[in-house]
């Protein structure tokens, strides 16, 4: 039974990673897996360290943080839309909650770090 649950979780995480630009709901994931929302949430929670919503938020924040650093010309608003947020303020709140600083401050900190590392070489 554990293999089936691992397969379901992996398939759910694949679905999430392929739909990061959208608002992803438990219903969307469960429908994709062909099981009920309740059953999916129970399986995911029992076999993982976080809830499905926590996983979705974490992956969106981590991917968007990478995007902030490697694509410095793109605006925060464009990144917010790219990762399924309706506006930059909701993205900013989620980002600050996850990382403890705003996307703009994060970008500036990363730029400083890159400059410092280059000067040490």
C-alpha atoms as a PDB file:
ATOM      1  CA  UNK A   1       0.000   0.000   0.000  1.00  0.00           C
ATOM      2  CA  UNK A   2       2.878   2.393   0.755  1.00  0.00           C
ATOM      3  CA  UNK A   3       4.103   2.185  -2.865  1.00  0.00           C
ATOM      4  CA  UNK A   4       0.675   3.258  -4.116  1.00  0.00           C
ATOM      5  CA  UNK A   5       0.679   6.223  -1.732  1.00  0.00           C
ATOM      6  CA  UNK A   6       4.195   7.212  -2.776  1.00  0.00           C
ATOM      7  CA  UNK A   7       3.084   7.048  -6.391  1.00  0.00           C
ATOM      8  CA  UNK A   8       0.048   9.241  -5.640  1.00  0.00           C
ATOM      9  CA  UNK A   9       2.172  11.796  -3.795  1.00  0.00           C
ATOM     10  CA  UNK A  10       4.759  11.885  -6.577  1.00  0.00           C
ATOM     11  CA  UNK A  11       2.041  12.286  -9.192  1.00  0.00           C
ATOM     12  CA  UNK A  12       0.438  15.082  -7.127  1.00  0.00           C
ATOM     13  CA  UNK A  13       3.775  16.882  -6.790  1.00  0.00           C
ATOM     14  CA  UNK A  14       4.399  16.528 -10.529  1.00  0.00           C
ATOM     15  CA  UNK A  15       0.980  18.059 -11.181  1.00  0.00           C
ATOM     16  CA  UNK A  16       1.765  20.939  -8.838  1.00  0.00           C
ATOM     17  CA  UNK A  17       5.153  21.610 -10.430  1.00  0.00           C
ATOM     18  CA  UNK A  18       3.582  21.623 -13.894  1.00  0.00           C
ATOM     19  CA  UNK A  19       0.896  24.134 -12.853  1.00  0.00           C
ATOM     20  CA  UNK A  20       2.838  26.689 -10.808  1.00  0.00           C
ATOM     21  CA  UNK A  21       1.490  29.543 -12.907  1.00  0.00           C
ATOM     22  CA  UNK A  22      -2.055  28.720 -11.797  1.00  0.00           C
ATOM     23  CA  UNK A  23      -4.023  28.823  -8.570  1.00  0.00           C
ATOM     24  CA  UNK A  24      -3.878  25.178  -7.522  1.00  0.00           C
ATOM     25  CA  UNK A  25      -6.600  23.741  -5.294  1.00  0.00           C
ATOM     26  CA  UNK A  26      -6.947  20.433  -3.500  1.00  0.00           C
ATOM     27  CA  UNK A  27      -9.849  19.741  -5.817  1.00  0.00           C
ATOM     28  CA  UNK A  28      -7.620  20.176  -8.892  1.00  0.00           C
ATOM     29  CA  UNK A  29      -5.006  17.776  -7.555  1.00  0.00           C
ATOM     30  CA  UNK A  30      -7.492  15.184  -6.317  1.00  0.00           C
ATOM     31  CA  UNK A  31      -9.386  15.301  -9.617  1.00  0.00           C
ATOM     32  CA  UNK A  32      -6.115  14.743 -11.492  1.00  0.00           C
ATOM     33  CA  UNK A  33      -5.416  11.700  -9.290  1.00  0.00           C
ATOM     34  CA  UNK A  34      -8.952  10.368  -9.529  1.00  0.00           C
ATOM     35  CA  UNK A  35      -9.574  10.364  -5.773  1.00  0.00           C
ATOM     36  CA  UNK A  36     -11.555  12.506  -3.333  1.00  0.00           C
ATOM     37  CA  UNK A  37     -10.113  15.679  -1.813  1.00  0.00           C
ATOM     38  CA  UNK A  38     -10.520  14.213   1.658  1.00  0.00           C
ATOM     39  CA  UNK A  39      -8.690  10.999   0.762  1.00  0.00           C
ATOM     40  CA  UNK A  40      -5.884  12.864  -1.025  1.00  0.00           C
ATOM     41  CA  UNK A  41      -5.350  15.299   1.861  1.00  0.00           C
ATOM     42  CA  UNK A  42      -5.327  12.450   4.377  1.00  0.00           C
ATOM     43  CA  UNK A  43      -2.761  10.433   2.362  1.00  0.00           C
ATOM     44  CA  UNK A  44      -0.546  13.434   1.700  1.00  0.00           C
ATOM     45  CA  UNK A  45      -0.604  14.627   5.304  1.00  0.00           C
ATOM     46  CA  UNK A  46       0.070  11.143   6.687  1.00  0.00           C
ATOM     47  CA  UNK A  47       3.035  10.529   4.373  1.00  0.00           C
ATOM     48  CA  UNK A  48       4.620  13.962   4.276  1.00  0.00           C
ATOM     49  CA  UNK A  49       6.007  16.653   6.523  1.00  0.00           C
ATOM     50  CA  UNK A  50       3.662  19.343   5.199  1.00  0.00           C
ATOM     51  CA  UNK A  51       0.146  19.783   3.898  1.00  0.00           C
ATOM     52  CA  UNK A  52      -0.483  20.019   0.147  1.00  0.00           C
ATOM     53  CA  UNK A  53      -1.076  23.778   0.463  1.00  0.00           C
ATOM     54  CA  UNK A  54       2.180  24.225   2.372  1.00  0.00           C
ATOM     55  CA  UNK A  55       3.992  22.283  -0.358  1.00  0.00           C
ATOM     56  CA  UNK A  56       2.395  24.423  -3.090  1.00  0.00           C
ATOM     57  CA  UNK A  57       3.350  27.642  -1.332  1.00  0.00           C
ATOM     58  CA  UNK A  58       6.900  26.475  -0.582  1.00  0.00           C
ATOM     59  CA  UNK A  59       7.568  25.385  -4.164  1.00  0.00           C
ATOM     60  CA  UNK A  60       6.112  28.607  -5.582  1.00  0.00           C
ATOM     61  CA  UNK A  61       8.214  30.698  -3.188  1.00  0.00           C
ATOM     62  CA  UNK A  62      11.428  28.764  -3.820  1.00  0.00           C
ATOM     63  CA  UNK A  63      11.020  28.839  -7.604  1.00  0.00           C
ATOM     64  CA  UNK A  64      10.044  32.494  -7.652  1.00  0.00           C
ATOM     65  CA  UNK A  65      13.053  33.351  -5.459  1.00  0.00           C
ATOM     66  CA  UNK A  66      15.353  31.717  -8.007  1.00  0.00           C
ATOM     67  CA  UNK A  67      13.563  33.613 -10.754  1.00  0.00           C
ATOM     68  CA  UNK A  68      14.039  36.889  -8.867  1.00  0.00           C
ATOM     69  CA  UNK A  69      17.788  36.378  -8.846  1.00  0.00           C
ATOM     70  CA  UNK A  70      18.449  34.999 -12.317  1.00  0.00           C
ATOM     71  CA  UNK A  71      16.015  37.299 -14.153  1.00  0.00           C
ATOM     72  CA  UNK A  72      16.749  40.686 -12.624  1.00  0.00           C
ATOM     73  CA  UNK A  73      15.031  42.594 -15.428  1.00  0.00           C
ATOM     74  CA  UNK A  74      11.617  41.055 -14.822  1.00  0.00           C
ATOM     75  CA  UNK A  75       9.332  42.944 -12.445  1.00  0.00           C
ATOM     76  CA  UNK A  76       7.971  41.621  -9.168  1.00  0.00           C
ATOM     77  CA  UNK A  77       4.463  41.908 -10.626  1.00  0.00           C
ATOM     78  CA  UNK A  78       5.409  39.740 -13.614  1.00  0.00           C
ATOM     79  CA  UNK A  79       6.883  37.127 -11.284  1.00  0.00           C
ATOM     80  CA  UNK A  80       3.736  37.234  -9.140  1.00  0.00           C
ATOM     81  CA  UNK A  81       1.590  36.493 -12.198  1.00  0.00           C
ATOM     82  CA  UNK A  82       4.008  33.809 -13.412  1.00  0.00           C
ATOM     83  CA  UNK A  83       3.556  31.955 -10.132  1.00  0.00           C
ATOM     84  CA  UNK A  84      -0.220  32.154  -9.984  1.00  0.00           C
ATOM     85  CA  UNK A  85      -0.800  35.214  -7.806  1.00  0.00           C
ATOM     86  CA  UNK A  86      -3.545  37.665  -8.773  1.00  0.00           C
ATOM     87  CA  UNK A  87      -1.484  40.719  -7.844  1.00  0.00           C
ATOM     88  CA  UNK A  88       1.914  41.715  -6.525  1.00  0.00           C
ATOM     89  CA  UNK A  89       0.641  42.576  -3.028  1.00  0.00           C
ATOM     90  CA  UNK A  90      -0.596  39.017  -2.330  1.00  0.00           C
ATOM     91  CA  UNK A  91       2.677  37.660  -3.723  1.00  0.00           C
ATOM     92  CA  UNK A  92       4.664  40.113  -1.563  1.00  0.00           C
ATOM     93  CA  UNK A  93       2.781  39.004   1.574  1.00  0.00           C
ATOM     94  CA  UNK A  94       3.337  35.319   0.838  1.00  0.00           C
ATOM     95  CA  UNK A  95       7.009  35.912   0.005  1.00  0.00           C
ATOM     96  CA  UNK A  96       7.601  37.947   3.186  1.00  0.00           C
ATOM     97  CA  UNK A  97       5.862  35.294   5.280  1.00  0.00           C
ATOM     98  CA  UNK A  98       8.033  32.559   3.755  1.00  0.00           C
ATOM     99  CA  UNK A  99      11.432  34.301   3.629  1.00  0.00           C
ATOM    100  CA  UNK A 100      11.070  37.060   6.224  1.00  0.00           C
ATOM    101  CA  UNK A 101      11.705  39.865   3.739  1.00  0.00           C
ATOM    102  CA  UNK A 102      10.085  41.339   0.658  1.00  0.00           C
ATOM    103  CA  UNK A 103      10.908  40.125  -2.859  1.00  0.00           C
ATOM    104  CA  UNK A 104      12.647  43.450  -3.554  1.00  0.00           C
ATOM    105  CA  UNK A 105      14.811  43.180  -0.433  1.00  0.00           C
ATOM    106  CA  UNK A 106      15.554  39.527  -1.250  1.00  0.00           C
ATOM    107  CA  UNK A 107      16.651  40.477  -4.760  1.00  0.00           C
ATOM    108  CA  UNK A 108      18.911  43.245  -3.420  1.00  0.00           C
ATOM    109  CA  UNK A 109      20.449  40.911  -0.814  1.00  0.00           C
ATOM    110  CA  UNK A 110      21.183  38.316  -3.472  1.00  0.00           C
ATOM    111  CA  UNK A 111      22.739  40.931  -5.764  1.00  0.00           C
ATOM    112  CA  UNK A 112      25.007  42.095  -2.901  1.00  0.00           C
ATOM    113  CA  UNK A 113      25.997  38.511  -2.222  1.00  0.00           C
ATOM    114  CA  UNK A 114      26.847  37.905  -5.877  1.00  0.00           C
ATOM    115  CA  UNK A 115      28.948  41.091  -6.034  1.00  0.00           C
ATOM    116  CA  UNK A 116      30.795  40.184  -2.817  1.00  0.00           C
ATOM    117  CA  UNK A 117      31.524  36.679  -4.053  1.00  0.00           C
ATOM    118  CA  UNK A 118      32.843  37.989  -7.375  1.00  0.00           C
ATOM    119  CA  UNK A 119      35.145  40.460  -5.615  1.00  0.00           C
ATOM    120  CA  UNK A 120      36.653  37.624  -3.536  1.00  0.00           C
ATOM    121  CA  UNK A 121      37.669  35.660  -6.631  1.00  0.00           C
END
